[in-house]
Protein backbone atom coordinates (compact mmCIF):
# COMPACT_ATOMS: atom_id res chain seq x y z
CA MET A 1 -6.31 19.70 54.85
CA THR A 2 -3.36 20.78 56.32
CA ALA A 3 -2.35 20.17 60.72
CA ASP A 4 -2.36 24.03 61.67
CA GLY A 5 -3.66 25.87 57.72
CA PRO A 6 -7.01 27.34 57.80
CA ASP A 7 -8.72 24.51 55.66
CA ALA A 8 -8.98 22.66 59.43
CA ASP A 9 -12.08 20.42 59.48
CA HIS A 10 -14.23 22.26 62.40
CA THR A 11 -16.80 19.66 62.68
CA PRO A 12 -17.09 17.44 65.43
CA SER A 13 -15.72 14.53 63.69
CA GLY A 14 -12.60 16.75 62.97
CA ARG A 15 -9.50 16.55 65.57
CA GLN A 16 -10.34 17.16 69.42
CA PRO A 17 -9.43 18.19 72.06
CA TYR A 18 -9.47 21.83 71.14
CA GLU A 19 -7.41 24.15 72.77
CA TYR A 20 -9.98 26.76 73.09
CA VAL A 21 -13.66 26.35 71.80
CA ILE A 22 -15.13 30.49 71.71
CA ILE A 23 -18.87 30.27 71.29
CA GLY A 24 -20.08 33.41 69.59
CA GLY A 25 -19.06 34.66 66.19
CA GLY A 26 -19.08 38.58 67.13
CA ILE A 27 -17.36 41.36 67.52
CA HIS A 28 -15.60 39.44 71.09
CA GLY A 29 -16.22 35.96 69.28
CA THR A 30 -13.64 37.13 65.92
CA CYS A 31 -11.57 39.39 67.78
CA LEU A 32 -10.04 36.92 70.10
CA ALA A 33 -9.12 34.25 67.89
CA ASN A 34 -7.26 37.07 66.12
CA TYR A 35 -5.41 37.50 68.60
CA LEU A 36 -5.15 33.91 69.72
CA LEU A 37 -3.98 32.74 66.52
CA ALA A 38 -1.00 35.51 65.75
CA GLU A 39 -0.21 36.36 70.02
CA GLY A 40 -0.87 33.08 71.47
CA GLU A 41 0.93 30.81 69.17
CA TYR A 42 -2.28 28.54 67.78
CA SER A 43 -2.62 26.67 64.67
CA HIS A 44 -6.45 26.49 63.20
CA GLN A 45 -6.96 23.60 64.37
CA ASP A 46 -6.91 24.67 68.06
CA LEU A 47 -9.91 26.68 67.63
CA CYS A 48 -12.88 26.37 66.80
CA LEU A 49 -15.56 29.39 66.48
CA VAL A 50 -19.21 28.33 66.82
CA GLU A 51 -21.73 30.42 65.25
CA PRO A 52 -24.89 29.21 63.66
CA ARG A 53 -24.84 32.10 61.14
CA GLU A 54 -23.14 31.97 57.86
CA GLN A 55 -20.57 34.14 58.64
CA LEU A 56 -18.24 35.80 61.30
CA LEU A 57 -19.72 39.30 62.17
CA ALA A 58 -22.98 39.12 60.44
CA SER A 59 -25.44 39.22 63.96
CA PHE A 60 -23.42 42.48 64.09
CA GLU A 61 -22.99 43.79 60.39
CA THR A 62 -26.78 42.38 60.17
CA LYS A 63 -27.83 45.06 63.94
CA ALA A 64 -25.81 48.14 62.50
CA ARG A 65 -27.75 48.12 59.08
CA GLN A 66 -31.31 47.49 60.60
CA CYS A 67 -30.80 50.14 62.71
CA GLY A 68 -29.50 52.84 60.54
CA MET A 69 -25.42 52.91 61.66
CA ARG A 70 -23.50 54.92 59.33
CA THR A 71 -20.38 55.86 61.58
CA LEU A 72 -18.90 53.90 64.84
CA ARG A 73 -19.50 55.39 67.88
CA SER A 74 -15.58 54.02 68.84
CA THR A 75 -12.54 55.79 67.22
CA PHE A 76 -10.44 54.30 64.41
CA VAL A 77 -7.67 52.19 66.83
CA HIS A 78 -10.58 50.02 68.07
CA HIS A 79 -11.19 47.36 65.81
CA ILE A 80 -10.52 43.32 65.53
CA GLY A 81 -7.29 43.93 64.30
CA ILE A 82 -4.01 43.58 66.30
CA GLU A 83 -1.99 46.74 64.93
CA PRO A 84 -3.87 49.52 66.52
CA PHE A 85 -3.48 51.57 63.40
CA SER A 86 -3.98 48.43 61.51
CA LEU A 87 -7.43 50.23 60.31
CA GLU A 88 -6.17 53.74 59.65
CA SER A 89 -3.45 51.79 56.89
CA PHE A 90 -5.98 50.01 55.40
CA ALA A 91 -7.99 52.96 55.08
CA LYS A 92 -4.96 54.97 53.51
CA GLY A 93 -4.09 51.94 51.47
CA ALA A 94 -7.72 52.04 50.13
CA GLY A 95 -7.49 55.50 49.19
CA ARG A 96 -10.46 55.93 51.56
CA GLU A 97 -9.31 58.34 54.87
CA ASP A 98 -12.19 60.32 53.97
CA GLU A 99 -14.26 57.48 55.60
CA LEU A 100 -12.44 57.82 58.54
CA VAL A 101 -14.82 60.73 60.06
CA SER A 102 -13.63 63.95 61.80
CA THR A 103 -15.27 64.25 65.13
CA GLU A 104 -14.27 66.93 68.08
CA ASN A 105 -12.12 66.86 70.43
CA TYR A 106 -12.18 63.07 69.59
CA PRO A 107 -10.05 60.70 67.16
CA ASN A 108 -11.80 60.07 63.80
CA ARG A 109 -14.53 57.68 63.89
CA PRO A 110 -14.46 54.66 60.77
CA THR A 111 -17.96 54.72 59.07
CA LEU A 112 -19.43 51.25 59.47
CA GLU A 113 -18.76 50.44 55.59
CA LEU A 114 -15.09 50.51 56.67
CA PHE A 115 -14.69 49.05 59.72
CA LEU A 116 -17.29 45.84 58.02
CA ASP A 117 -14.48 46.13 55.28
CA HIS A 118 -11.04 46.15 57.42
CA ALA A 119 -12.44 43.25 59.71
CA ARG A 120 -13.05 41.04 56.41
CA TYR A 121 -9.78 41.56 55.55
CA VAL A 122 -8.50 41.16 58.93
CA ILE A 123 -10.70 37.67 58.62
CA ASP A 124 -9.67 36.60 55.32
CA ARG A 125 -5.98 37.00 56.11
CA ARG A 126 -5.38 35.37 59.09
CA GLY A 127 -7.71 32.58 58.02
CA ILE A 128 -10.04 32.76 61.10
CA ASP A 129 -13.01 31.62 58.74
CA GLY A 130 -11.32 27.81 59.08
CA CYS A 131 -12.17 27.88 62.47
CA HIS A 132 -15.64 28.68 61.99
CA LEU A 133 -18.47 25.68 62.87
CA GLN A 134 -22.32 26.65 61.99
CA SER A 135 -23.64 25.76 65.00
CA TRP A 136 -26.11 26.59 67.98
CA ALA A 137 -23.84 25.81 71.33
CA THR A 138 -26.55 24.63 73.69
CA GLY A 139 -24.14 23.54 76.73
CA VAL A 140 -21.05 22.95 78.23
CA THR A 141 -20.48 19.47 80.49
CA LYS A 142 -16.89 18.49 81.72
CA THR A 143 -15.65 14.90 79.87
CA GLU A 144 -16.23 11.52 82.20
CA ALA A 145 -12.65 12.41 82.51
CA GLY A 146 -13.30 15.22 83.84
CA ASP A 147 -9.80 16.90 82.51
CA ARG A 148 -11.53 18.48 80.10
CA LEU A 149 -14.51 20.53 78.68
CA GLU A 150 -17.47 18.85 76.30
CA VAL A 151 -19.66 21.66 74.47
CA GLN A 152 -22.43 20.19 72.88
CA THR A 153 -24.10 21.95 69.78
CA GLY A 154 -26.45 21.07 66.73
CA ALA A 155 -23.26 19.55 65.19
CA GLY A 156 -22.26 17.33 68.05
CA SER A 157 -20.18 17.46 70.98
CA LEU A 158 -16.67 19.08 70.92
CA GLU A 159 -14.01 18.53 73.46
CA ALA A 160 -11.94 21.29 74.36
CA ARG A 161 -9.39 22.01 77.36
CA HIS A 162 -10.97 25.76 77.52
CA VAL A 163 -14.24 27.90 76.66
CA VAL A 164 -14.82 31.08 76.01
CA LEU A 165 -18.33 32.35 76.70
CA ALA A 166 -18.98 35.42 73.73
CA ILE A 167 -22.87 36.12 73.31
CA GLY A 168 -23.11 38.80 73.31
CA LEU A 169 -25.48 41.28 75.30
CA GLY A 170 -28.36 38.55 75.45
CA GLY A 171 -30.66 36.86 73.37
CA SER A 172 -33.88 37.91 74.05
CA ARG A 173 -35.79 41.65 73.36
CA THR A 174 -36.83 43.50 76.01
CA ILE A 175 -40.84 44.21 75.10
CA PRO A 176 -42.46 46.67 77.62
CA THR A 177 -45.79 45.33 79.79
CA TRP A 178 -48.01 47.15 77.20
CA ALA A 179 -46.61 45.25 74.13
CA THR A 180 -47.02 42.17 74.96
CA SER A 181 -50.44 41.25 74.56
CA LEU A 182 -51.18 42.11 71.31
CA PRO A 183 -51.35 39.87 68.25
CA ASP A 184 -48.72 38.28 66.41
CA ASP A 185 -49.72 40.75 63.62
CA ALA A 186 -49.77 44.06 65.19
CA PRO A 187 -47.96 46.58 63.37
CA LEU A 188 -45.58 46.40 67.04
CA VAL A 189 -42.04 45.42 65.59
CA HIS A 190 -38.77 45.46 67.67
CA VAL A 191 -35.37 46.63 66.03
CA TRP A 192 -33.71 43.60 66.51
CA ASP A 193 -35.98 41.43 65.58
CA ASP A 194 -34.23 38.82 63.43
CA ASP A 195 -36.46 39.40 60.17
CA PHE A 196 -37.01 42.96 61.19
CA ASP A 197 -37.29 45.10 57.64
CA PRO A 198 -36.93 48.88 58.20
CA THR A 199 -38.48 49.04 54.27
CA THR A 200 -41.83 47.08 55.53
CA VAL A 201 -41.90 49.85 58.22
CA ALA A 202 -41.41 52.95 56.18
CA GLU A 203 -44.55 51.44 53.70
CA PHE A 204 -46.82 51.91 56.51
CA ALA A 205 -49.49 54.27 56.07
CA GLY A 206 -50.19 55.68 59.14
CA PRO A 207 -47.69 57.72 62.14
CA THR A 208 -44.52 55.71 62.72
CA PHE A 209 -43.39 56.06 66.39
CA VAL A 210 -39.85 54.85 67.35
CA VAL A 211 -39.84 54.06 71.01
CA GLY A 212 -36.06 54.35 73.29
CA GLY A 213 -33.93 56.63 73.80
CA GLY A 214 -30.70 56.26 73.02
CA ILE A 215 -28.06 55.72 70.08
CA THR A 216 -29.76 53.05 68.53
CA ALA A 217 -33.16 54.30 68.36
CA GLY A 218 -31.68 57.78 68.19
CA GLN A 219 -30.23 56.09 64.02
CA LEU A 220 -33.17 54.24 63.54
CA ALA A 221 -35.38 57.35 63.82
CA CYS A 222 -33.25 58.89 61.54
CA SER A 223 -33.05 56.06 59.24
CA LEU A 224 -36.95 55.74 58.80
CA SER A 225 -37.00 59.53 58.59
CA GLU A 226 -36.03 60.18 55.12
CA HIS A 227 -39.12 57.73 53.92
CA ARG A 228 -41.71 59.01 56.02
CA ASP A 229 -42.72 60.89 59.54
CA VAL A 230 -41.42 59.77 61.76
CA THR A 231 -41.53 60.58 66.07
CA LEU A 232 -39.87 59.88 68.63
CA LEU A 233 -40.78 58.96 71.86
CA SER A 234 -38.15 58.95 74.67
CA ARG A 235 -38.97 58.77 78.88
CA HIS A 236 -36.73 61.13 79.29
CA ASP A 237 -34.62 64.20 77.95
CA LEU A 238 -32.52 62.84 75.32
CA GLU A 239 -28.82 62.71 77.18
CA ILE A 240 -26.28 63.87 75.33
CA GLU A 241 -22.29 61.88 75.72
CA LEU A 242 -19.57 61.32 72.89
CA THR A 243 -18.77 58.16 74.53
CA GLU A 244 -20.23 55.01 76.64
CA ALA A 245 -17.94 55.77 79.23
CA ASP A 246 -14.69 58.62 80.71
CA PRO A 247 -11.94 56.84 78.54
CA TYR A 248 -9.88 56.05 81.20
CA TRP A 249 -10.90 52.84 81.95
CA ILE A 250 -9.59 51.74 78.90
CA ASN A 251 -6.69 51.92 81.31
CA TRP A 252 -6.43 48.68 83.06
CA ARG A 253 -4.65 50.48 85.92
CA HIS A 254 -7.53 52.35 86.46
CA ILE A 255 -9.71 49.41 86.24
CA GLU A 256 -7.55 47.19 88.68
CA GLN A 257 -7.44 50.30 91.29
CA GLU A 258 -11.68 50.90 90.92
CA ILE A 259 -13.67 47.89 90.99
CA HIS A 260 -10.58 44.55 91.54
CA THR A 261 -10.34 46.30 94.94
CA LEU A 262 -14.25 45.59 95.89
CA PRO A 263 -15.83 41.91 96.65
CA PRO A 264 -15.77 40.02 93.50
CA GLY A 265 -19.63 38.92 92.75
CA SER A 266 -20.48 42.42 94.57
CA GLN A 267 -23.49 44.60 94.54
CA ALA A 268 -20.76 47.05 94.96
CA ARG A 269 -18.85 46.63 91.25
CA LEU A 270 -22.02 46.64 89.42
CA ASP A 271 -23.12 49.88 90.84
CA ARG A 272 -20.09 51.73 90.55
CA ILE A 273 -19.35 49.98 86.53
CA ARG A 274 -23.32 51.59 86.19
CA ALA A 275 -22.58 54.78 87.60
CA ALA A 276 -19.55 54.73 85.51
CA ARG A 277 -21.61 53.49 82.21
CA ASN A 278 -23.45 56.19 79.63
CA ASP A 279 -26.30 54.12 79.04
CA ALA A 280 -29.41 55.41 77.20
CA THR A 281 -27.14 58.04 75.92
CA ILE A 282 -26.67 59.87 72.06
CA PRO A 283 -23.49 60.85 70.92
CA PRO A 284 -23.43 64.68 69.59
CA TYR A 285 -23.01 63.85 65.56
CA VAL A 286 -26.37 61.42 65.52
CA GLU A 287 -28.15 64.53 68.10
CA ARG A 288 -26.97 66.96 64.70
CA ARG A 289 -28.82 64.51 62.08
CA LEU A 290 -31.80 64.43 64.86
CA ASP A 291 -31.93 68.29 64.11
CA GLU A 292 -31.52 68.22 60.88
CA VAL A 293 -34.10 66.32 60.26
CA ARG A 294 -36.49 67.72 62.92
CA ASP A 295 -36.01 71.11 61.19
CA CYS A 296 -37.18 69.68 57.30
CA ASP A 297 -40.08 68.13 59.52
CA GLY A 298 -39.47 64.62 58.33
CA LEU A 299 -39.14 64.09 62.39
CA GLU A 300 -40.90 65.15 65.90
CA ILE A 301 -39.45 64.28 69.56
CA ARG A 302 -41.77 63.37 71.96
CA ARG A 303 -40.81 62.75 75.22
CA GLY A 304 -43.05 60.51 77.37
CA GLU A 305 -44.48 56.35 77.52
CA ILE A 306 -47.13 54.75 76.26
CA THR A 307 -49.27 53.53 78.56
CA ALA A 308 -51.58 51.12 76.38
CA ALA A 309 -51.87 49.50 73.52
CA TYR A 310 -54.58 48.00 71.23
CA ALA A 311 -54.63 46.94 68.17
CA THR A 312 -57.66 47.69 65.11
CA ASP A 313 -57.73 46.55 60.93
CA ASP A 314 -56.12 49.54 60.47
CA GLY A 315 -52.88 49.61 63.16
CA LEU A 316 -52.59 50.49 66.74
CA LEU A 317 -54.47 52.59 69.14
CA VAL A 318 -52.30 54.16 71.64
CA ARG A 319 -52.84 55.45 74.49
CA PHE A 320 -49.43 57.37 76.26
CA ASP A 321 -49.00 59.09 79.61
CA ASP A 322 -50.32 62.17 79.61
CA GLY A 323 -53.57 61.38 78.38
CA THR A 324 -53.57 61.67 74.82
CA THR A 325 -54.03 59.23 72.24
CA ALA A 326 -52.84 58.25 68.37
CA THR A 327 -54.62 56.00 65.79
CA ASN A 328 -53.50 53.99 63.22
CA ALA A 329 -50.31 53.55 64.26
CA GLN A 330 -47.21 51.89 64.10
CA VAL A 331 -44.45 51.26 67.11
CA VAL A 332 -41.07 50.32 66.79
CA LEU A 333 -39.07 49.19 69.99
CA ALA A 334 -35.74 50.36 70.08
CA THR A 335 -35.91 49.10 73.83
CA GLY A 336 -32.57 47.18 73.83
CA LEU A 337 -32.01 43.51 74.79
CA ASP A 338 -32.62 41.43 78.32
CA PRO A 339 -29.39 41.03 80.87
CA VAL A 340 -27.03 39.17 79.45
CA PRO A 341 -26.98 36.77 82.79
CA GLU A 342 -30.77 35.74 81.64
CA HIS A 343 -29.20 33.58 79.40
CA PRO A 344 -30.30 30.19 78.40
CA LEU A 345 -26.59 29.39 77.78
CA VAL A 346 -25.42 30.88 80.82
CA ASP A 347 -27.84 29.55 82.98
CA SER A 348 -26.52 26.35 81.35
CA VAL A 349 -23.41 26.27 81.81
CA ALA A 350 -23.55 27.71 85.33
CA GLU A 351 -25.00 24.51 86.66
CA SER A 352 -23.60 21.80 84.66
CA LEU A 353 -20.35 22.66 85.82
CA SER A 354 -21.48 24.61 89.28
CA LEU A 355 -20.08 27.95 88.65
CA GLU A 356 -20.28 30.86 91.12
CA ARG A 357 -22.87 33.57 90.29
CA GLY A 358 -22.93 37.19 91.63
CA ALA A 359 -25.45 40.18 91.92
CA ASP A 360 -27.57 40.33 89.23
CA GLY A 361 -26.77 36.66 88.51
CA PHE A 362 -23.50 37.69 86.69
CA PRO A 363 -20.28 35.57 87.02
CA VAL A 364 -18.04 35.90 89.45
CA LEU A 365 -13.77 35.78 88.00
CA ASP A 366 -11.13 35.82 88.76
CA ASP A 367 -9.68 39.52 87.60
CA ARG A 368 -6.84 38.63 86.64
CA ALA A 369 -7.28 35.85 84.25
CA LEU A 370 -11.42 36.15 83.06
CA ALA A 371 -12.56 32.33 84.23
CA TRP A 372 -15.01 31.60 85.66
CA ARG A 373 -14.87 30.38 89.28
CA GLY A 374 -16.29 28.00 90.35
CA ALA A 375 -17.83 27.39 93.92
CA ASP A 376 -15.45 25.68 95.25
CA GLY A 377 -13.52 29.01 94.65
CA THR A 378 -10.93 27.62 91.92
CA ARG A 379 -10.89 28.49 88.05
CA SER A 380 -12.72 26.72 85.65
CA ALA A 381 -11.55 26.68 82.18
CA VAL A 382 -14.42 28.64 80.83
CA TYR A 383 -13.85 32.61 79.99
CA VAL A 384 -16.39 34.85 79.47
CA SER A 385 -15.92 37.85 77.02
CA GLY A 386 -18.19 40.56 76.23
CA ALA A 387 -21.04 41.92 78.92
CA LEU A 388 -20.63 39.04 80.70
CA ALA A 389 -17.22 40.37 81.80
CA GLU A 390 -18.41 44.27 83.09
CA PRO A 391 -17.82 42.71 86.88
CA SER A 392 -13.91 42.88 85.72
CA VAL A 393 -12.97 44.25 82.71
CA GLY A 394 -15.50 47.21 83.69
CA PRO A 395 -17.84 49.81 81.93
CA PHE A 396 -15.87 49.28 78.14
CA ALA A 397 -16.21 45.24 78.64
CA ARG A 398 -19.10 45.18 75.96
CA ASN A 399 -17.07 47.22 73.16
CA ILE A 400 -14.42 46.59 70.67
CA VAL A 401 -11.91 47.74 73.39
CA GLY A 402 -13.36 45.24 75.70
CA ALA A 403 -12.60 42.01 73.58
CA ARG A 404 -9.05 43.14 73.19
CA ARG A 405 -9.05 43.59 76.72
CA VAL A 406 -10.14 40.39 77.12
CA ALA A 407 -7.79 38.58 74.53
CA GLU A 408 -4.82 40.20 76.65
CA ARG A 409 -5.58 38.69 79.70
CA LEU A 410 -6.34 34.96 77.77
CA LEU A 411 -2.80 35.15 76.01
CA GLU A 412 -1.52 36.59 79.64
CA SER A 413 -3.20 33.28 81.60
CA ARG A 414 -1.73 30.85 78.63
CA HIS A 415 2.12 32.05 79.60
CA ARG A 416 0.82 31.71 83.39
CA GLY A 417 -0.38 28.09 82.73
CA GLY A 418 -2.66 26.19 84.29
CA SER A 419 -5.93 26.61 86.69
CA GLU A 420 -4.72 27.88 90.15
CA ARG A 421 -7.19 28.41 93.36
CA ALA A 422 -7.73 32.04 93.93
CA PRO A 423 -6.11 34.21 96.48
CA PRO A 424 -8.64 34.08 99.54
CA ALA A 425 -8.21 37.37 100.47
CA SER A 426 -10.15 37.88 96.60
CA ARG A 427 -12.91 35.38 97.51
CA GLY A 428 -14.35 37.96 100.49
CA ARG A 429 -18.19 38.60 99.55
CA SER A 430 -20.59 41.47 100.30
C-alpha cells in the first residue's frame, strides 16, 4: 500500500480523515471521484466511495438490463470520463464505431455495452476501485470537535472534511394504491425490484401488463415482447421527446439566468424545472421499436389504468377504469421511484446537521458551490449530486451531464476554499 496509489486501505481503520466521502457508487459518485482524482489533485487516500454493491456502477448496470435498455438516451459526449470525446476515441480504438448509434437531428448515442465498457476503462485507468468501501452509509454527524463530519457505515465510522450525497433517484419504488394490499406471492413485480428477473416474467402463462408511460416502460415492454405477448398500459397517450429537456439547459449560464434568479428553496424553482423536464416521455427510437413489435402482433398499447386487482390461484383478476377486466394476469410495474427527498438518509442528515430544506423537502443549496446550507445560512460541508441537486443544477441534474456539472462546482469550490456565509440577498424565500 502506498500513500498515493490505488491500493490505499479504505476500511474505517485506514488513514483518516478523508477529504471527501462520497455516498453512492453509481454514475454520479464514480464521475465525481474521477474528476476529483484527475483535476482536483487528490490522492486515492483522500477519497472514499461508500457503495454497498461489490462493483461501482453495479446498480446502474442492473437497472439498465432489467428494463431492456439497448442504447443510452444521452449522447456519446456524456460519460464518466474527463475529456468530452473520450468515449468516441475508446470506440474507435476498439473498432466499435458501429456502437455509436446514429440518431436523426441529434449526435450519436452509445450502446449500453459500449458505455459500460468505457466506464470500466475509466475506472481501471484511474484506479477508482481503490477508493471503494463496500458498505451502507446510515448517517452523517459532526465529530466531537465539530470541525469534521463523521459518516456512519455498516463497516464503522469514517471522518471526512466533506461529504457528497450521490444516492440516485430514491430508495423506494412507487407502488399504486390498488397494489398495496395484494399478497407477497401475487404475480405483481416492479421493474426496480432487486430480484426482478425478466426471464421469470416471460415464463408466466397468462396475459402480461406493463404499467407505465415513460422510457422505462417502453423499453421493458419491447424486451418482454420478445418472449410473450404484452400489453403496455399507460394513463396517457405516449408522448414522444428525444431528450429529457431542451439541450440549452446543459449550459450553466442559462441555469443561472433561469433558476438562480429565483429564491433558493422556493416552489417557483421546482415548478420551472419540472416544466422544463420531459418526464414520462419516450424517445423516437423506442417508439419505433414499439411500432415494430406491435406490427408483429406481440404488443398492444392501451390507454387506461388499473383500479383494482385481486389475487387468484391462477394469477390476478384485474379491473380497469373502463369497467373491463382481465383474468389470470400478471402485472409488471414501471412506475418509478419515490421522490429522492424522501430517502431516509436525506432525512437523517438534515436533522442531525440542522440543514435547511425547501419546497418538497429538497435541500437548500448554495448555488455556486452546491453545498447544503445550514439553518443559520452558512454553507455546510455536505454537498449533493443527482436528483437532490435539481433546484440548483436544473432539469438535467439527475443525468450524466448533471454529474459533470456538480464535479465542476466542487472543483471551483476547492479553489475558492473554505465554507462561507451565503450572501444575504440569496437567502430570501418565497
